[in-house]
Amino acid sequence: MKGFRRTQSAEESALFSHQLSRALGEPGCPICRLVRESEERWIWTLLYEFTGDPEIHALFARSLGLCAPHADLMRKVVEGRRLMTPSGVARLYETVVKALERELQQGLLRGNAKKTECPLCTYAKGTAERQAYFLARLLSTREWQKEYEASDGLCWPHGRLVLRQASRGVQFWLMGDFTQRLERLGGLLSELQRKQRYDVPEPVTPEEADSWREALWRLGGMAFEGL
């Protein structure tokens, strides 16, 4: 259960190119989508293959399990996927419960001890970095720029991540693209407010009606309800 390594093999480049191309064809931020997919795979692999791994148990004991959003995602995976039972979660969290119980019995306060980061948060950050690294390089070609322009584009958190790893030319191009998207979004938000006034008879367009939702994910990143 390890994160990505920064390598540039032909096979790995082809894999990430395929993933990014597919995600660009879906609604919303492509990196948000790929990170979410990787989180689900991480949970599935963890519960299917690694619930008996001593290193994983030690990792969960140090972090006191998963953070709230990732714990809820684990619940959704267990409840929503066939062939998945809650026994794996029980096995892992028995270790966490006993670890915290020992601390309390010894009079230790977790607030005074260093709690490690949620292991899935660590993995998700590595996934986002990896996808951003490859997208930054793919966007150096006009072919990929056109594909990106036809997509919904990145959220700002992942846009910043790509910018930090991009060449100067790609940075300039991507900042221009993001500026255009923000200008368009700002106009839609303004029109939505104007048309919702009681004295304006004009109908709200579908794009205007959805603009507030776009603003939420464009500035803060996407969240996914289902699996």
C-alpha atoms as a PDB file:
ATOM      1  CA  MET A   1       0.000   0.000   0.000  1.00  0.00           C
ATOM      2  CA  LYS A   2       2.479   2.607  -1.138  1.00  0.00           C
ATOM      3  CA  GLY A   3       2.133   5.849  -3.061  1.00  0.00           C
ATOM      4  CA  PHE A   4       3.400   6.640  -6.523  1.00  0.00           C
ATOM      5  CA  ARG A   5       7.063   6.807  -7.423  1.00  0.00           C
ATOM      6  CA  ARG A   6       8.262   9.622  -9.653  1.00  0.00           C
ATOM      7  CA  THR A   7       9.387   7.674 -12.703  1.00  0.00           C
ATOM      8  CA  GLN A   8       8.836   8.299 -16.395  1.00  0.00           C
ATOM      9  CA  SER A   9       8.696   4.892 -18.040  1.00  0.00           C
ATOM     10  CA  ALA A  10       6.904   4.640 -21.378  1.00  0.00           C
ATOM     11  CA  GLU A  11       4.323   2.275 -19.902  1.00  0.00           C
ATOM     12  CA  GLU A  12       3.591   4.607 -17.013  1.00  0.00           C
ATOM     13  CA  SER A  13       3.335   7.634 -19.290  1.00  0.00           C
ATOM     14  CA  ALA A  14       0.878   5.780 -21.525  1.00  0.00           C
ATOM     15  CA  LEU A  15      -1.211   4.744 -18.520  1.00  0.00           C
ATOM     16  CA  PHE A  16      -1.441   8.259 -17.109  1.00  0.00           C
ATOM     17  CA  SER A  17      -2.128   9.727 -20.550  1.00  0.00           C
ATOM     18  CA  HIS A  18      -5.043   7.322 -20.973  1.00  0.00           C
ATOM     19  CA  GLN A  19      -6.406   8.091 -17.502  1.00  0.00           C
ATOM     20  CA  LEU A  20      -6.185  11.843 -17.986  1.00  0.00           C
ATOM     21  CA  SER A  21      -7.739  11.721 -21.456  1.00  0.00           C
ATOM     22  CA  ARG A  22     -10.672   9.719 -20.122  1.00  0.00           C
ATOM     23  CA  ALA A  23     -11.134  12.010 -17.122  1.00  0.00           C
ATOM     24  CA  LEU A  24     -11.061  15.119 -19.312  1.00  0.00           C
ATOM     25  CA  GLY A  25     -14.112  13.725 -21.090  1.00  0.00           C
ATOM     26  CA  GLU A  26     -16.066  13.518 -17.831  1.00  0.00           C
ATOM     27  CA  PRO A  27     -17.806  16.390 -15.983  1.00  0.00           C
ATOM     28  CA  GLY A  28     -15.782  18.468 -13.550  1.00  0.00           C
ATOM     29  CA  CYS A  29     -12.129  18.537 -12.561  1.00  0.00           C
ATOM     30  CA  PRO A  30     -10.272  15.553 -14.066  1.00  0.00           C
ATOM     31  CA  ILE A  31      -7.744  15.287 -11.238  1.00  0.00           C
ATOM     32  CA  CYS A  32     -10.471  15.371  -8.576  1.00  0.00           C
ATOM     33  CA  ARG A  33     -12.137  12.490 -10.408  1.00  0.00           C
ATOM     34  CA  LEU A  34      -8.953  10.447 -10.739  1.00  0.00           C
ATOM     35  CA  VAL A  35      -8.045  10.993  -7.095  1.00  0.00           C
ATOM     36  CA  ARG A  36     -11.491   9.812  -6.018  1.00  0.00           C
ATOM     37  CA  GLU A  37     -11.207   6.708  -8.195  1.00  0.00           C
ATOM     38  CA  SER A  38      -7.795   5.953  -6.708  1.00  0.00           C
ATOM     39  CA  GLU A  39      -9.174   6.351  -3.184  1.00  0.00           C
ATOM     40  CA  GLU A  40     -11.851   3.761  -3.885  1.00  0.00           C
ATOM     41  CA  ARG A  41      -9.266   1.367  -5.315  1.00  0.00           C
ATOM     42  CA  TRP A  42      -7.030   1.928  -2.272  1.00  0.00           C
ATOM     43  CA  ILE A  43      -9.864   1.033   0.091  1.00  0.00           C
ATOM     44  CA  TRP A  44     -10.859  -1.995  -1.965  1.00  0.00           C
ATOM     45  CA  THR A  45      -7.275  -3.279  -2.102  1.00  0.00           C
ATOM     46  CA  LEU A  46      -6.737  -2.583   1.587  1.00  0.00           C
ATOM     47  CA  LEU A  47      -9.824  -4.494   2.699  1.00  0.00           C
ATOM     48  CA  TYR A  48      -9.364  -7.308   0.203  1.00  0.00           C
ATOM     49  CA  GLU A  49      -5.643  -7.988   0.641  1.00  0.00           C
ATOM     50  CA  PHE A  50      -4.020  -6.119   3.525  1.00  0.00           C
ATOM     51  CA  THR A  51      -6.177  -6.365   6.651  1.00  0.00           C
ATOM     52  CA  GLY A  52      -3.720  -8.882   8.088  1.00  0.00           C
ATOM     53  CA  ASP A  53      -0.603  -6.839   7.325  1.00  0.00           C
ATOM     54  CA  PRO A  54       1.170  -5.809  10.578  1.00  0.00           C
ATOM     55  CA  GLU A  55       2.549  -2.629   8.964  1.00  0.00           C
ATOM     56  CA  ILE A  56      -0.944  -1.530   7.978  1.00  0.00           C
ATOM     57  CA  HIS A  57      -2.229  -2.183  11.499  1.00  0.00           C
ATOM     58  CA  ALA A  58       0.632  -0.136  12.953  1.00  0.00           C
ATOM     59  CA  LEU A  59      -0.107   2.663  10.479  1.00  0.00           C
ATOM     60  CA  PHE A  60      -3.784   2.732  11.433  1.00  0.00           C
ATOM     61  CA  ALA A  61      -2.922   2.667  15.136  1.00  0.00           C
ATOM     62  CA  ARG A  62      -0.671   5.719  14.752  1.00  0.00           C
ATOM     63  CA  SER A  63      -3.248   7.686  12.759  1.00  0.00           C
ATOM     64  CA  LEU A  64      -6.254   6.413  14.750  1.00  0.00           C
ATOM     65  CA  GLY A  65      -7.759   5.190  11.504  1.00  0.00           C
ATOM     66  CA  LEU A  66      -9.026   7.314   8.646  1.00  0.00           C
ATOM     67  CA  CYS A  67     -10.199  10.923   8.670  1.00  0.00           C
ATOM     68  CA  ALA A  68     -13.963  11.541   8.639  1.00  0.00           C
ATOM     69  CA  PRO A  69     -14.383  11.945   4.840  1.00  0.00           C
ATOM     70  CA  HIS A  70     -12.304   8.848   4.075  1.00  0.00           C
ATOM     71  CA  ALA A  71     -13.955   6.826   6.824  1.00  0.00           C
ATOM     72  CA  ASP A  72     -17.296   7.676   5.212  1.00  0.00           C
ATOM     73  CA  LEU A  73     -15.938   6.629   1.822  1.00  0.00           C
ATOM     74  CA  MET A  74     -14.852   3.315   3.344  1.00  0.00           C
ATOM     75  CA  ARG A  75     -18.405   2.863   4.629  1.00  0.00           C
ATOM     76  CA  LYS A  76     -19.790   3.524   1.143  1.00  0.00           C
ATOM     77  CA  VAL A  77     -17.389   1.035  -0.426  1.00  0.00           C
ATOM     78  CA  VAL A  78     -18.291  -1.694   2.070  1.00  0.00           C
ATOM     79  CA  GLU A  79     -22.018  -1.051   1.778  1.00  0.00           C
ATOM     80  CA  GLY A  80     -22.045  -0.509  -1.976  1.00  0.00           C
ATOM     81  CA  ARG A  81     -19.717  -3.146  -3.409  1.00  0.00           C
ATOM     82  CA  ARG A  82     -20.475  -6.806  -3.854  1.00  0.00           C
ATOM     83  CA  LEU A  83     -18.118  -9.322  -2.254  1.00  0.00           C
ATOM     84  CA  MET A  84     -17.107  -6.767   0.375  1.00  0.00           C
ATOM     85  CA  THR A  85     -17.920  -7.489   4.021  1.00  0.00           C
ATOM     86  CA  PRO A  86     -17.396  -5.309   7.115  1.00  0.00           C
ATOM     87  CA  SER A  87     -15.100  -7.859   8.745  1.00  0.00           C
ATOM     88  CA  GLY A  88     -12.018  -6.209   7.229  1.00  0.00           C
ATOM     89  CA  VAL A  89     -12.975  -2.856   8.724  1.00  0.00           C
ATOM     90  CA  ALA A  90     -13.645  -4.554  12.050  1.00  0.00           C
ATOM     91  CA  ARG A  91     -10.232  -6.192  11.989  1.00  0.00           C
ATOM     92  CA  LEU A  92      -8.398  -2.940  11.315  1.00  0.00           C
ATOM     93  CA  TYR A  93     -10.375  -0.821  13.730  1.00  0.00           C
ATOM     94  CA  GLU A  94     -10.103  -3.354  16.530  1.00  0.00           C
ATOM     95  CA  THR A  95      -6.395  -2.525  16.457  1.00  0.00           C
ATOM     96  CA  VAL A  96      -7.163   1.211  16.517  1.00  0.00           C
ATOM     97  CA  VAL A  97      -9.626   0.864  19.396  1.00  0.00           C
ATOM     98  CA  LYS A  98      -7.174  -1.155  21.465  1.00  0.00           C
ATOM     99  CA  ALA A  99      -4.340   1.289  20.754  1.00  0.00           C
ATOM    100  CA  LEU A 100      -6.374   4.233  21.996  1.00  0.00           C
ATOM    101  CA  GLU A 101      -7.639   2.207  24.949  1.00  0.00           C
ATOM    102  CA  ARG A 102      -4.040   1.491  25.995  1.00  0.00           C
ATOM    103  CA  GLU A 103      -3.168   5.170  25.831  1.00  0.00           C
ATOM    104  CA  LEU A 104      -6.112   6.085  28.010  1.00  0.00           C
ATOM    105  CA  GLN A 105      -5.270   3.385  30.522  1.00  0.00           C
ATOM    106  CA  GLN A 106      -1.722   4.732  30.704  1.00  0.00           C
ATOM    107  CA  GLY A 107      -3.029   8.227  31.289  1.00  0.00           C
ATOM    108  CA  LEU A 108      -1.775   9.533  27.964  1.00  0.00           C
ATOM    109  CA  LEU A 109      -3.645  12.224  26.087  1.00  0.00           C
ATOM    110  CA  ARG A 110      -3.684  11.969  22.311  1.00  0.00           C
ATOM    111  CA  GLY A 111      -3.624  15.757  22.187  1.00  0.00           C
ATOM    112  CA  ASN A 112      -0.098  15.677  23.601  1.00  0.00           C
ATOM    113  CA  ALA A 113       1.072  12.937  21.261  1.00  0.00           C
ATOM    114  CA  LYS A 114       1.893  13.269  17.565  1.00  0.00           C
ATOM    115  CA  LYS A 115      -0.931  11.770  15.514  1.00  0.00           C
ATOM    116  CA  THR A 116       0.084  10.817  12.001  1.00  0.00           C
ATOM    117  CA  GLU A 117      -1.917  11.879   8.964  1.00  0.00           C
ATOM    118  CA  CYS A 118      -4.793   9.771   7.679  1.00  0.00           C
ATOM    119  CA  PRO A 119      -3.038   7.200   5.442  1.00  0.00           C
ATOM    120  CA  LEU A 120      -5.551   7.658   2.653  1.00  0.00           C
ATOM    121  CA  CYS A 121      -5.033  11.444   2.742  1.00  0.00           C
ATOM    122  CA  THR A 122      -1.325  10.800   2.253  1.00  0.00           C
ATOM    123  CA  TYR A 123      -2.030   8.470  -0.663  1.00  0.00           C
ATOM    124  CA  ALA A 124      -4.529  10.883  -2.256  1.00  0.00           C
ATOM    125  CA  LYS A 125      -2.018  13.738  -2.137  1.00  0.00           C
ATOM    126  CA  GLY A 126       0.537  11.557  -3.883  1.00  0.00           C
ATOM    127  CA  THR A 127      -2.001  10.625  -6.549  1.00  0.00           C
ATOM    128  CA  ALA A 128      -2.879  14.265  -7.189  1.00  0.00           C
ATOM    129  CA  GLU A 129       0.809  15.195  -7.420  1.00  0.00           C
ATOM    130  CA  ARG A 130       1.412  12.396  -9.894  1.00  0.00           C
ATOM    131  CA  GLN A 131      -1.533  13.274 -12.128  1.00  0.00           C
ATOM    132  CA  ALA A 132      -0.581  16.960 -12.026  1.00  0.00           C
ATOM    133  CA  TYR A 133       3.000  16.099 -12.965  1.00  0.00           C
ATOM    134  CA  PHE A 134       1.917  14.222 -16.084  1.00  0.00           C
ATOM    135  CA  LEU A 135      -0.778  16.706 -17.084  1.00  0.00           C
ATOM    136  CA  ALA A 136       1.723  19.569 -16.834  1.00  0.00           C
ATOM    137  CA  ARG A 137       3.906  17.803 -19.375  1.00  0.00           C
ATOM    138  CA  LEU A 138       1.103  16.698 -21.668  1.00  0.00           C
ATOM    139  CA  LEU A 139      -0.163  20.281 -21.913  1.00  0.00           C
ATOM    140  CA  SER A 140       3.057  21.288 -23.654  1.00  0.00           C
ATOM    141  CA  THR A 141       1.490  20.018 -26.904  1.00  0.00           C
ATOM    142  CA  ARG A 142      -1.276  21.816 -28.778  1.00  0.00           C
ATOM    143  CA  GLU A 143      -3.189  18.536 -29.165  1.00  0.00           C
ATOM    144  CA  TRP A 144      -3.544  18.181 -25.388  1.00  0.00           C
ATOM    145  CA  GLN A 145      -4.289  21.871 -24.970  1.00  0.00           C
ATOM    146  CA  LYS A 146      -7.240  21.502 -27.341  1.00  0.00           C
ATOM    147  CA  GLU A 147      -8.478  18.465 -25.431  1.00  0.00           C
ATOM    148  CA  TYR A 148      -8.184  20.393 -22.182  1.00  0.00           C
ATOM    149  CA  GLU A 149      -9.977  23.446 -23.616  1.00  0.00           C
ATOM    150  CA  ALA A 150     -12.919  21.223 -24.597  1.00  0.00           C
ATOM    151  CA  SER A 151     -13.173  19.864 -21.040  1.00  0.00           C
ATOM    152  CA  ASP A 152     -14.529  21.434 -17.846  1.00  0.00           C
ATOM    153  CA  GLY A 153     -10.961  22.150 -16.763  1.00  0.00           C
ATOM    154  CA  LEU A 154      -9.326  21.935 -13.352  1.00  0.00           C
ATOM    155  CA  CYS A 155     -10.449  23.136  -9.970  1.00  0.00           C
ATOM    156  CA  TRP A 156      -8.202  25.863  -8.570  1.00  0.00           C
ATOM    157  CA  PRO A 157      -6.459  23.640  -5.961  1.00  0.00           C
ATOM    158  CA  HIS A 158      -5.400  21.201  -8.677  1.00  0.00           C
ATOM    159  CA  GLY A 159      -4.753  24.045 -11.103  1.00  0.00           C
ATOM    160  CA  ARG A 160      -2.177  25.402  -8.653  1.00  0.00           C
ATOM    161  CA  LEU A 161      -0.673  21.934  -8.386  1.00  0.00           C
ATOM    162  CA  VAL A 162      -0.232  21.690 -12.163  1.00  0.00           C
ATOM    163  CA  LEU A 163       1.158  25.229 -12.382  1.00  0.00           C
ATOM    164  CA  ARG A 164       3.867  24.428  -9.837  1.00  0.00           C
ATOM    165  CA  GLN A 165       5.106  21.530 -11.982  1.00  0.00           C
ATOM    166  CA  ALA A 166       4.668  23.081 -15.431  1.00  0.00           C
ATOM    167  CA  SER A 167       7.146  24.774 -17.732  1.00  0.00           C
ATOM    168  CA  ARG A 168       6.999  28.553 -18.096  1.00  0.00           C
ATOM    169  CA  GLY A 169       5.147  28.260 -21.387  1.00  0.00           C
ATOM    170  CA  VAL A 170       2.519  25.887 -19.989  1.00  0.00           C
ATOM    171  CA  GLN A 171       2.126  28.099 -16.920  1.00  0.00           C
ATOM    172  CA  PHE A 172       1.394  31.108 -19.126  1.00  0.00           C
ATOM    173  CA  TRP A 173      -1.088  29.152 -21.256  1.00  0.00           C
ATOM    174  CA  LEU A 174      -2.871  27.537 -18.295  1.00  0.00           C
ATOM    175  CA  MET A 175      -3.206  30.815 -16.386  1.00  0.00           C
ATOM    176  CA  GLY A 176      -4.764  32.359 -19.475  1.00  0.00           C
ATOM    177  CA  ASP A 177      -7.197  29.466 -19.830  1.00  0.00           C
ATOM    178  CA  PHE A 178      -8.158  29.619 -16.160  1.00  0.00           C
ATOM    179  CA  THR A 179      -8.641  33.387 -16.347  1.00  0.00           C
ATOM    180  CA  GLN A 180     -11.038  32.957 -19.269  1.00  0.00           C
ATOM    181  CA  ARG A 181     -12.996  30.315 -17.366  1.00  0.00           C
ATOM    182  CA  LEU A 182     -13.253  32.602 -14.330  1.00  0.00           C
ATOM    183  CA  GLU A 183     -14.401  35.530 -16.473  1.00  0.00           C
ATOM    184  CA  ARG A 184     -17.120  33.366 -17.982  1.00  0.00           C
ATOM    185  CA  LEU A 185     -18.129  32.002 -14.574  1.00  0.00           C
ATOM    186  CA  GLY A 186     -18.254  35.477 -13.066  1.00  0.00           C
ATOM    187  CA  GLY A 187     -20.584  36.604 -15.840  1.00  0.00           C
ATOM    188  CA  LEU A 188     -22.891  33.634 -15.307  1.00  0.00           C
ATOM    189  CA  LEU A 189     -23.022  34.262 -11.555  1.00  0.00           C
ATOM    190  CA  SER A 190     -23.849  37.912 -12.156  1.00  0.00           C
ATOM    191  CA  GLU A 191     -26.632  37.034 -14.599  1.00  0.00           C
ATOM    192  CA  LEU A 192     -28.064  34.439 -12.219  1.00  0.00           C
ATOM    193  CA  GLN A 193     -28.398  37.082  -9.530  1.00  0.00           C
ATOM    194  CA  ARG A 194     -29.857  39.653 -11.927  1.00  0.00           C
ATOM    195  CA  LYS A 195     -32.439  37.302 -13.400  1.00  0.00           C
ATOM    196  CA  GLN A 196     -33.609  36.138  -9.997  1.00  0.00           C
ATOM    197  CA  ARG A 197     -34.753  39.641  -9.112  1.00  0.00           C
ATOM    198  CA  TYR A 198     -38.520  40.016  -9.050  1.00  0.00           C
ATOM    199  CA  ASP A 199     -38.483  42.807 -11.666  1.00  0.00           C
ATOM    200  CA  VAL A 200     -36.526  40.856 -14.318  1.00  0.00           C
ATOM    201  CA  PRO A 201     -38.752  38.679 -16.554  1.00  0.00           C
ATOM    202  CA  GLU A 202     -35.912  36.976 -18.445  1.00  0.00           C
ATOM    203  CA  PRO A 203     -35.554  33.203 -17.956  1.00  0.00           C
ATOM    204  CA  VAL A 204     -32.455  31.798 -16.298  1.00  0.00           C
ATOM    205  CA  THR A 205     -30.404  29.683 -18.710  1.00  0.00           C
ATOM    206  CA  PRO A 206     -29.216  26.186 -17.723  1.00  0.00           C
ATOM    207  CA  GLU A 207     -25.603  27.429 -17.567  1.00  0.00           C
ATOM    208  CA  GLU A 208     -26.590  30.304 -15.305  1.00  0.00           C
ATOM    209  CA  ALA A 209     -28.656  28.022 -13.091  1.00  0.00           C
ATOM    210  CA  ASP A 210     -25.681  25.711 -12.610  1.00  0.00           C
ATOM    211  CA  SER A 211     -23.079  28.450 -12.187  1.00  0.00           C
ATOM    212  CA  TRP A 212     -23.203  28.508  -8.385  1.00  0.00           C
ATOM    213  CA  ARG A 213     -22.442  24.779  -8.305  1.00  0.00           C
ATOM    214  CA  GLU A 214     -19.534  25.284 -10.663  1.00  0.00           C
ATOM    215  CA  ALA A 215     -18.222  28.090  -8.462  1.00  0.00           C
ATOM    216  CA  LEU A 216     -18.169  25.733  -5.476  1.00  0.00           C
ATOM    217  CA  TRP A 217     -16.109  23.033  -7.176  1.00  0.00           C
ATOM    218  CA  ARG A 218     -14.046  25.370  -9.346  1.00  0.00           C
ATOM    219  CA  LEU A 219     -12.686  27.220  -6.316  1.00  0.00           C
ATOM    220  CA  GLY A 220     -12.685  24.456  -3.710  1.00  0.00           C
ATOM    221  CA  GLY A 221     -12.459  21.118  -5.524  1.00  0.00           C
ATOM    222  CA  MET A 222     -15.022  18.424  -6.243  1.00  0.00           C
ATOM    223  CA  ALA A 223     -16.771  16.037  -3.902  1.00  0.00           C
ATOM    224  CA  PHE A 224     -18.543  12.922  -5.174  1.00  0.00           C
ATOM    225  CA  GLU A 225     -21.686  11.583  -3.542  1.00  0.00           C
ATOM    226  CA  GLY A 226     -21.862   8.131  -5.086  1.00  0.00           C
ATOM    227  CA  LEU A 227     -19.339   5.461  -5.969  1.00  0.00           C
END
